[in-house]
Amino acid sequence: MFYFLIGLIVGLIIGGVIVYFIIRSKKTAEAAKENLSTKETPFINPKVERRKENLAKLEEMIGKKSKDEKITNDEVQKLLKVSDATAERYLQELESQGLIRQFGEVGKEVYYQKV
């Protein structure tokens, strides 16, 4: 009988703790949901913002160059502190926008000039 009472008391305590945490997590979830719905500023992706800033810097650099000056991938890498592939993507995007034109096909021979 003694062990039965101890088991019952322990069970009630554990059950109470479980119910407490369930109620608490529901309140926390509701509060978080409310905070998300009341925020006035939209989520800003830092990668997207950095990309926009880098493209703006690159456009500014291109604007300062004359039409016969070369723009190289290495130059873009150093200016923006990005990888070779990222610099190439930026240059390709500006080429697709019609701001620059690519000369050469592969490697060190490739350069760009302002249109």
C-alpha atoms as a PDB file:
ATOM      1  CA  MET A   1       0.000   0.000   0.000  1.00  0.00           C
ATOM      2  CA  PHE A   2       2.889   2.340   0.844  1.00  0.00           C
ATOM      3  CA  TYR A   3       4.527   1.824  -2.561  1.00  0.00           C
ATOM      4  CA  PHE A   4       1.201   2.417  -4.251  1.00  0.00           C
ATOM      5  CA  LEU A   5       0.860   5.837  -2.560  1.00  0.00           C
ATOM      6  CA  ILE A   6       4.432   6.805  -3.442  1.00  0.00           C
ATOM      7  CA  GLY A   7       3.880   5.732  -7.061  1.00  0.00           C
ATOM      8  CA  LEU A   8       0.660   7.730  -7.191  1.00  0.00           C
ATOM      9  CA  ILE A   9       2.328  10.859  -5.789  1.00  0.00           C
ATOM     10  CA  VAL A  10       5.307  10.557  -8.158  1.00  0.00           C
ATOM     11  CA  GLY A  11       2.936   9.998 -11.100  1.00  0.00           C
ATOM     12  CA  LEU A  12       0.931  13.087 -10.191  1.00  0.00           C
ATOM     13  CA  ILE A  13       4.087  15.184  -9.917  1.00  0.00           C
ATOM     14  CA  ILE A  14       5.429  13.975 -13.272  1.00  0.00           C
ATOM     15  CA  GLY A  15       2.037  14.470 -14.885  1.00  0.00           C
ATOM     16  CA  GLY A  16       1.810  17.989 -13.486  1.00  0.00           C
ATOM     17  CA  VAL A  17       5.262  18.868 -14.814  1.00  0.00           C
ATOM     18  CA  ILE A  18       4.347  17.542 -18.275  1.00  0.00           C
ATOM     19  CA  VAL A  19       1.096  19.523 -18.341  1.00  0.00           C
ATOM     20  CA  TYR A  20       2.965  22.653 -17.199  1.00  0.00           C
ATOM     21  CA  PHE A  21       5.478  22.401 -20.064  1.00  0.00           C
ATOM     22  CA  ILE A  22       2.763  21.720 -22.646  1.00  0.00           C
ATOM     23  CA  ILE A  23       0.798  24.803 -21.576  1.00  0.00           C
ATOM     24  CA  ARG A  24       3.976  26.896 -21.456  1.00  0.00           C
ATOM     25  CA  SER A  25       5.062  25.841 -24.968  1.00  0.00           C
ATOM     26  CA  LYS A  26       1.605  26.688 -26.366  1.00  0.00           C
ATOM     27  CA  LYS A  27       1.759  30.159 -24.800  1.00  0.00           C
ATOM     28  CA  THR A  28       5.275  30.692 -26.165  1.00  0.00           C
ATOM     29  CA  ALA A  29       4.196  29.608 -29.643  1.00  0.00           C
ATOM     30  CA  GLU A  30       1.186  31.946 -29.560  1.00  0.00           C
ATOM     31  CA  ALA A  31       3.361  34.854 -28.397  1.00  0.00           C
ATOM     32  CA  ALA A  32       5.898  34.187 -31.159  1.00  0.00           C
ATOM     33  CA  LYS A  33       3.124  34.001 -33.748  1.00  0.00           C
ATOM     34  CA  GLU A  34       1.698  37.298 -32.511  1.00  0.00           C
ATOM     35  CA  ASN A  35       5.134  38.961 -32.676  1.00  0.00           C
ATOM     36  CA  LEU A  36       5.608  37.804 -36.261  1.00  0.00           C
ATOM     37  CA  SER A  37       2.258  39.157 -37.345  1.00  0.00           C
ATOM     38  CA  THR A  38       2.809  42.575 -35.729  1.00  0.00           C
ATOM     39  CA  LYS A  39       6.259  43.242 -37.167  1.00  0.00           C
ATOM     40  CA  GLU A  40       6.240  46.158 -39.563  1.00  0.00           C
ATOM     41  CA  THR A  41       9.546  45.489 -41.295  1.00  0.00           C
ATOM     42  CA  PRO A  42       9.723  42.606 -43.759  1.00  0.00           C
ATOM     43  CA  PHE A  43      12.417  39.959 -43.517  1.00  0.00           C
ATOM     44  CA  ILE A  44      15.585  41.068 -45.261  1.00  0.00           C
ATOM     45  CA  ASN A  45      17.864  38.380 -46.600  1.00  0.00           C
ATOM     46  CA  PRO A  46      21.467  39.502 -45.933  1.00  0.00           C
ATOM     47  CA  LYS A  47      22.786  37.619 -48.971  1.00  0.00           C
ATOM     48  CA  VAL A  48      20.365  39.380 -51.289  1.00  0.00           C
ATOM     49  CA  GLU A  49      21.235  42.757 -49.791  1.00  0.00           C
ATOM     50  CA  ARG A  50      24.990  42.102 -50.104  1.00  0.00           C
ATOM     51  CA  ARG A  51      24.509  41.044 -53.730  1.00  0.00           C
ATOM     52  CA  LYS A  52      22.629  44.267 -54.511  1.00  0.00           C
ATOM     53  CA  GLU A  53      25.351  46.331 -52.825  1.00  0.00           C
ATOM     54  CA  ASN A  54      28.092  44.500 -54.741  1.00  0.00           C
ATOM     55  CA  LEU A  55      26.332  44.975 -58.069  1.00  0.00           C
ATOM     56  CA  ALA A  56      25.908  48.681 -57.294  1.00  0.00           C
ATOM     57  CA  LYS A  57      29.637  48.995 -56.490  1.00  0.00           C
ATOM     58  CA  LEU A  58      30.501  47.180 -59.709  1.00  0.00           C
ATOM     59  CA  GLU A  59      28.197  49.409 -61.765  1.00  0.00           C
ATOM     60  CA  GLU A  60      29.817  52.458 -60.161  1.00  0.00           C
ATOM     61  CA  MET A  61      33.291  51.162 -61.052  1.00  0.00           C
ATOM     62  CA  ILE A  62      32.199  50.503 -64.626  1.00  0.00           C
ATOM     63  CA  GLY A  63      30.712  53.986 -64.847  1.00  0.00           C
ATOM     64  CA  LYS A  64      34.093  55.528 -63.990  1.00  0.00           C
ATOM     65  CA  LYS A  65      35.894  53.600 -66.744  1.00  0.00           C
ATOM     66  CA  SER A  66      36.180  54.740 -70.325  1.00  0.00           C
ATOM     67  CA  LYS A  67      34.825  52.561 -73.126  1.00  0.00           C
ATOM     68  CA  ASP A  68      38.246  51.256 -74.115  1.00  0.00           C
ATOM     69  CA  GLU A  69      39.417  50.304 -70.592  1.00  0.00           C
ATOM     70  CA  LYS A  70      39.376  46.609 -69.716  1.00  0.00           C
ATOM     71  CA  ILE A  71      37.472  45.148 -66.787  1.00  0.00           C
ATOM     72  CA  THR A  72      38.789  41.795 -65.578  1.00  0.00           C
ATOM     73  CA  ASN A  73      37.477  39.125 -63.264  1.00  0.00           C
ATOM     74  CA  ASP A  74      40.488  39.608 -60.970  1.00  0.00           C
ATOM     75  CA  GLU A  75      39.721  43.314 -60.684  1.00  0.00           C
ATOM     76  CA  VAL A  76      36.135  42.547 -59.639  1.00  0.00           C
ATOM     77  CA  GLN A  77      37.314  39.936 -57.120  1.00  0.00           C
ATOM     78  CA  LYS A  78      39.627  42.441 -55.445  1.00  0.00           C
ATOM     79  CA  LEU A  79      37.081  45.250 -55.461  1.00  0.00           C
ATOM     80  CA  LEU A  80      34.242  43.220 -53.963  1.00  0.00           C
ATOM     81  CA  LYS A  81      36.289  40.643 -52.022  1.00  0.00           C
ATOM     82  CA  VAL A  82      34.420  37.743 -53.642  1.00  0.00           C
ATOM     83  CA  SER A  83      35.402  34.441 -55.232  1.00  0.00           C
ATOM     84  CA  ASP A  84      36.243  33.906 -58.892  1.00  0.00           C
ATOM     85  CA  ALA A  85      32.869  32.256 -59.553  1.00  0.00           C
ATOM     86  CA  THR A  86      30.919  35.046 -57.838  1.00  0.00           C
ATOM     87  CA  ALA A  87      32.787  37.724 -59.784  1.00  0.00           C
ATOM     88  CA  GLU A  88      32.012  35.838 -62.989  1.00  0.00           C
ATOM     89  CA  ARG A  89      28.294  35.678 -62.112  1.00  0.00           C
ATOM     90  CA  TYR A  90      28.226  39.436 -61.444  1.00  0.00           C
ATOM     91  CA  LEU A  91      29.935  40.149 -64.747  1.00  0.00           C
ATOM     92  CA  GLN A  92      27.576  37.814 -66.604  1.00  0.00           C
ATOM     93  CA  GLU A  93      24.579  39.567 -65.080  1.00  0.00           C
ATOM     94  CA  LEU A  94      25.844  42.997 -66.106  1.00  0.00           C
ATOM     95  CA  GLU A  95      26.547  41.633 -69.574  1.00  0.00           C
ATOM     96  CA  SER A  96      22.971  40.317 -69.826  1.00  0.00           C
ATOM     97  CA  GLN A  97      21.747  43.798 -68.820  1.00  0.00           C
ATOM     98  CA  GLY A  98      23.739  45.264 -71.696  1.00  0.00           C
ATOM     99  CA  LEU A  99      26.107  47.351 -69.556  1.00  0.00           C
ATOM    100  CA  ILE A 100      29.301  45.524 -70.558  1.00  0.00           C
ATOM    101  CA  ARG A 101      30.503  43.240 -73.333  1.00  0.00           C
ATOM    102  CA  GLN A 102      32.728  40.180 -73.026  1.00  0.00           C
ATOM    103  CA  PHE A 103      35.825  39.722 -75.141  1.00  0.00           C
ATOM    104  CA  GLY A 104      37.685  36.417 -75.235  1.00  0.00           C
ATOM    105  CA  GLU A 105      36.434  32.958 -74.450  1.00  0.00           C
ATOM    106  CA  VAL A 106      38.403  31.280 -71.660  1.00  0.00           C
ATOM    107  CA  GLY A 107      40.825  32.047 -68.829  1.00  0.00           C
ATOM    108  CA  LYS A 108      43.134  35.049 -68.586  1.00  0.00           C
ATOM    109  CA  GLU A 109      42.207  36.123 -72.112  1.00  0.00           C
ATOM    110  CA  VAL A 110      38.688  37.118 -71.034  1.00  0.00           C
ATOM    111  CA  TYR A 111      37.975  40.761 -70.297  1.00  0.00           C
ATOM    112  CA  TYR A 112      34.979  43.059 -70.437  1.00  0.00           C
ATOM    113  CA  GLN A 113      34.454  46.588 -71.718  1.00  0.00           C
ATOM    114  CA  LYS A 114      31.756  49.147 -71.138  1.00  0.00           C
ATOM    115  CA  VAL A 115      29.184  49.317 -73.924  1.00  0.00           C
END
